């Protein structure tokens, strides 16, 4: 195993669980646990290959919020500047998750505003939530969810 890279090690573990462990299990709960573990291993492999998903979430939010700010800039320069300032939080020090947290805090303040020009921020966030939920769906273990019901 020492000569394998991390992705290869995870793939070997997944194959072993799928090929040898899962078929030998009679207990349905244990089977669900192994299936959920296999899904988690695939997600880890995906993250190793593609990086932290918050990097792409932050990039999409930056694009969508910049587009929104530009769309209201002529009619409401103050609202556009406030969105631009919130977007500045993505440039702060820290990892992608910390930068996302800072942006979320800034956007929460914007959403508390009574400025009607900022109402579109909520629509941008809803659109992003739908996109993120769709992307995350592949990592949800259906059998594990069903076992909770």
Protein backbone atom coordinates (compact mmCIF):
# COMPACT_ATOMS: atom_id res chain seq x y z
CA UNK A 1 0.00 0.00 0.00
CA UNK A 2 2.92 2.37 0.57
CA UNK A 3 3.48 2.68 -3.19
CA UNK A 4 -0.13 3.65 -3.89
CA UNK A 5 -1.35 7.21 -3.88
CA UNK A 6 -4.28 8.25 -1.69
CA UNK A 7 -6.88 7.87 -4.43
CA UNK A 8 -5.68 4.37 -5.21
CA UNK A 9 -5.79 3.39 -1.53
CA UNK A 10 -9.36 4.65 -1.23
CA UNK A 11 -10.32 2.79 -4.41
CA UNK A 12 -8.83 -0.45 -3.01
CA UNK A 13 -10.75 -0.01 0.24
CA UNK A 14 -13.97 0.62 -1.70
CA UNK A 15 -13.46 -2.43 -3.91
CA UNK A 16 -12.73 -4.60 -0.89
CA UNK A 17 -15.87 -3.43 0.90
CA UNK A 18 -18.00 -3.87 -2.23
CA UNK A 19 -16.57 -7.21 -3.26
CA UNK A 20 -15.91 -9.00 0.01
CA UNK A 21 -17.69 -7.34 2.91
CA UNK A 22 -21.02 -6.21 1.49
CA UNK A 23 -22.00 -9.56 -0.07
CA UNK A 24 -21.18 -11.38 3.17
CA UNK A 25 -23.46 -9.26 5.33
CA UNK A 26 -26.87 -10.63 6.24
CA UNK A 27 -27.80 -7.84 8.64
CA UNK A 28 -29.59 -5.12 6.64
CA UNK A 29 -28.46 -2.36 9.02
CA UNK A 30 -24.82 -3.39 8.58
CA UNK A 31 -25.31 -3.46 4.79
CA UNK A 32 -26.68 0.09 4.86
CA UNK A 33 -23.72 1.23 6.93
CA UNK A 34 -21.26 -0.24 4.44
CA UNK A 35 -23.16 1.30 1.51
CA UNK A 36 -23.04 4.69 3.24
CA UNK A 37 -19.32 4.24 3.86
CA UNK A 38 -18.79 3.45 0.17
CA UNK A 39 -20.62 6.66 -0.77
CA UNK A 40 -18.45 8.62 1.67
CA UNK A 41 -15.29 7.09 0.22
CA UNK A 42 -16.35 8.16 -3.26
CA UNK A 43 -17.00 11.68 -2.02
CA UNK A 44 -13.53 11.82 -0.46
CA UNK A 45 -11.99 10.61 -3.72
CA UNK A 46 -13.94 13.29 -5.60
CA UNK A 47 -12.71 15.99 -3.22
CA UNK A 48 -9.12 14.82 -3.57
CA UNK A 49 -9.42 15.05 -7.33
CA UNK A 50 -11.46 18.27 -7.51
CA UNK A 51 -10.71 20.18 -4.31
CA UNK A 52 -13.00 21.51 -1.64
CA UNK A 53 -16.49 22.00 -3.10
CA UNK A 54 -16.68 25.37 -1.36
CA UNK A 55 -14.15 26.67 -3.90
CA UNK A 56 -16.66 26.19 -6.72
CA UNK A 57 -19.59 27.37 -4.56
CA UNK A 58 -17.68 30.57 -3.77
CA UNK A 59 -16.83 31.10 -7.43
CA UNK A 60 -20.47 30.65 -8.49
CA UNK A 61 -21.68 32.99 -5.76
CA UNK A 62 -19.09 35.57 -6.77
CA UNK A 63 -20.28 35.41 -10.38
CA UNK A 64 -23.98 35.48 -9.53
CA UNK A 65 -23.70 38.26 -6.98
CA UNK A 66 -21.46 40.32 -9.27
CA UNK A 67 -24.02 39.96 -12.04
CA UNK A 68 -26.75 41.04 -9.64
CA UNK A 69 -24.72 44.03 -8.40
CA UNK A 70 -24.07 45.12 -11.99
CA UNK A 71 -27.78 44.81 -12.81
CA UNK A 72 -28.78 47.25 -10.03
CA UNK A 73 -25.72 49.53 -10.19
CA UNK A 74 -27.36 52.21 -12.36
CA UNK A 75 -30.63 52.35 -10.41
CA UNK A 76 -29.16 51.81 -6.95
CA UNK A 77 -25.41 52.40 -6.71
CA UNK A 78 -25.53 52.10 -2.91
CA UNK A 79 -27.04 48.60 -3.09
CA UNK A 80 -24.45 47.55 -5.67
CA UNK A 81 -21.65 48.87 -3.47
CA UNK A 82 -23.00 46.95 -0.48
CA UNK A 83 -23.07 43.73 -2.51
CA UNK A 84 -19.52 44.46 -3.75
CA UNK A 85 -18.41 44.98 -0.15
CA UNK A 86 -19.96 41.66 0.88
CA UNK A 87 -18.16 39.99 -2.03
CA UNK A 88 -14.93 41.41 -0.64
CA UNK A 89 -15.26 38.83 2.13
CA UNK A 90 -14.32 36.14 -0.39
CA UNK A 91 -10.90 37.76 -0.64
CA UNK A 92 -10.14 37.46 3.06
CA UNK A 93 -7.49 35.17 4.47
CA UNK A 94 -8.46 31.61 5.26
CA UNK A 95 -9.65 28.51 3.52
CA UNK A 96 -12.67 28.35 1.22
CA UNK A 97 -15.02 27.46 4.07
CA UNK A 98 -13.90 30.37 6.24
CA UNK A 99 -14.27 32.80 3.32
CA UNK A 100 -17.74 31.39 2.63
CA UNK A 101 -18.70 31.86 6.28
CA UNK A 102 -17.57 35.50 6.15
CA UNK A 103 -19.55 36.07 2.96
CA UNK A 104 -22.63 34.44 4.52
CA UNK A 105 -22.39 36.77 7.52
CA UNK A 106 -22.13 39.80 5.25
CA UNK A 107 -25.06 38.61 3.14
CA UNK A 108 -27.14 38.01 6.26
CA UNK A 109 -26.69 41.68 7.11
CA UNK A 110 -27.74 42.65 3.58
CA UNK A 111 -30.86 40.50 3.80
CA UNK A 112 -31.84 42.27 7.03
CA UNK A 113 -31.87 45.57 5.14
CA UNK A 114 -35.13 47.15 4.09
CA UNK A 115 -33.57 48.37 0.83
CA UNK A 116 -35.84 46.96 -1.92
CA UNK A 117 -32.92 47.02 -4.37
CA UNK A 118 -31.28 44.28 -2.29
CA UNK A 119 -34.30 41.98 -2.58
CA UNK A 120 -32.67 40.20 -5.51
CA UNK A 121 -29.89 38.96 -3.23
CA UNK A 122 -32.34 36.46 -1.75
CA UNK A 123 -33.16 35.16 -5.25
CA UNK A 124 -29.46 34.72 -5.99
CA UNK A 125 -29.01 32.75 -2.77
CA UNK A 126 -32.06 30.60 -3.47
CA UNK A 127 -30.72 29.81 -6.93
CA UNK A 128 -27.35 28.90 -5.42
CA UNK A 129 -29.03 26.68 -2.81
CA UNK A 130 -30.88 24.76 -5.50
CA UNK A 131 -27.67 24.31 -7.49
CA UNK A 132 -25.76 23.14 -4.41
CA UNK A 133 -28.49 20.71 -3.36
CA UNK A 134 -28.51 19.19 -6.84
CA UNK A 135 -24.72 18.80 -6.82
CA UNK A 136 -24.75 17.29 -3.32
CA UNK A 137 -27.49 14.79 -4.14
CA UNK A 138 -24.97 12.37 -5.59
CA UNK A 139 -23.30 12.04 -2.18
CA UNK A 140 -26.47 11.23 -0.27
CA UNK A 141 -26.78 7.56 0.56
CA UNK A 142 -30.35 6.66 -0.34
CA UNK A 143 -30.33 3.41 1.63
CA UNK A 144 -29.04 5.26 4.72
CA UNK A 145 -31.82 7.87 4.46
CA UNK A 146 -34.43 5.17 3.94
CA UNK A 147 -33.18 3.30 7.00
CA UNK A 148 -34.01 6.33 9.15
CA UNK A 149 -37.69 6.23 8.24
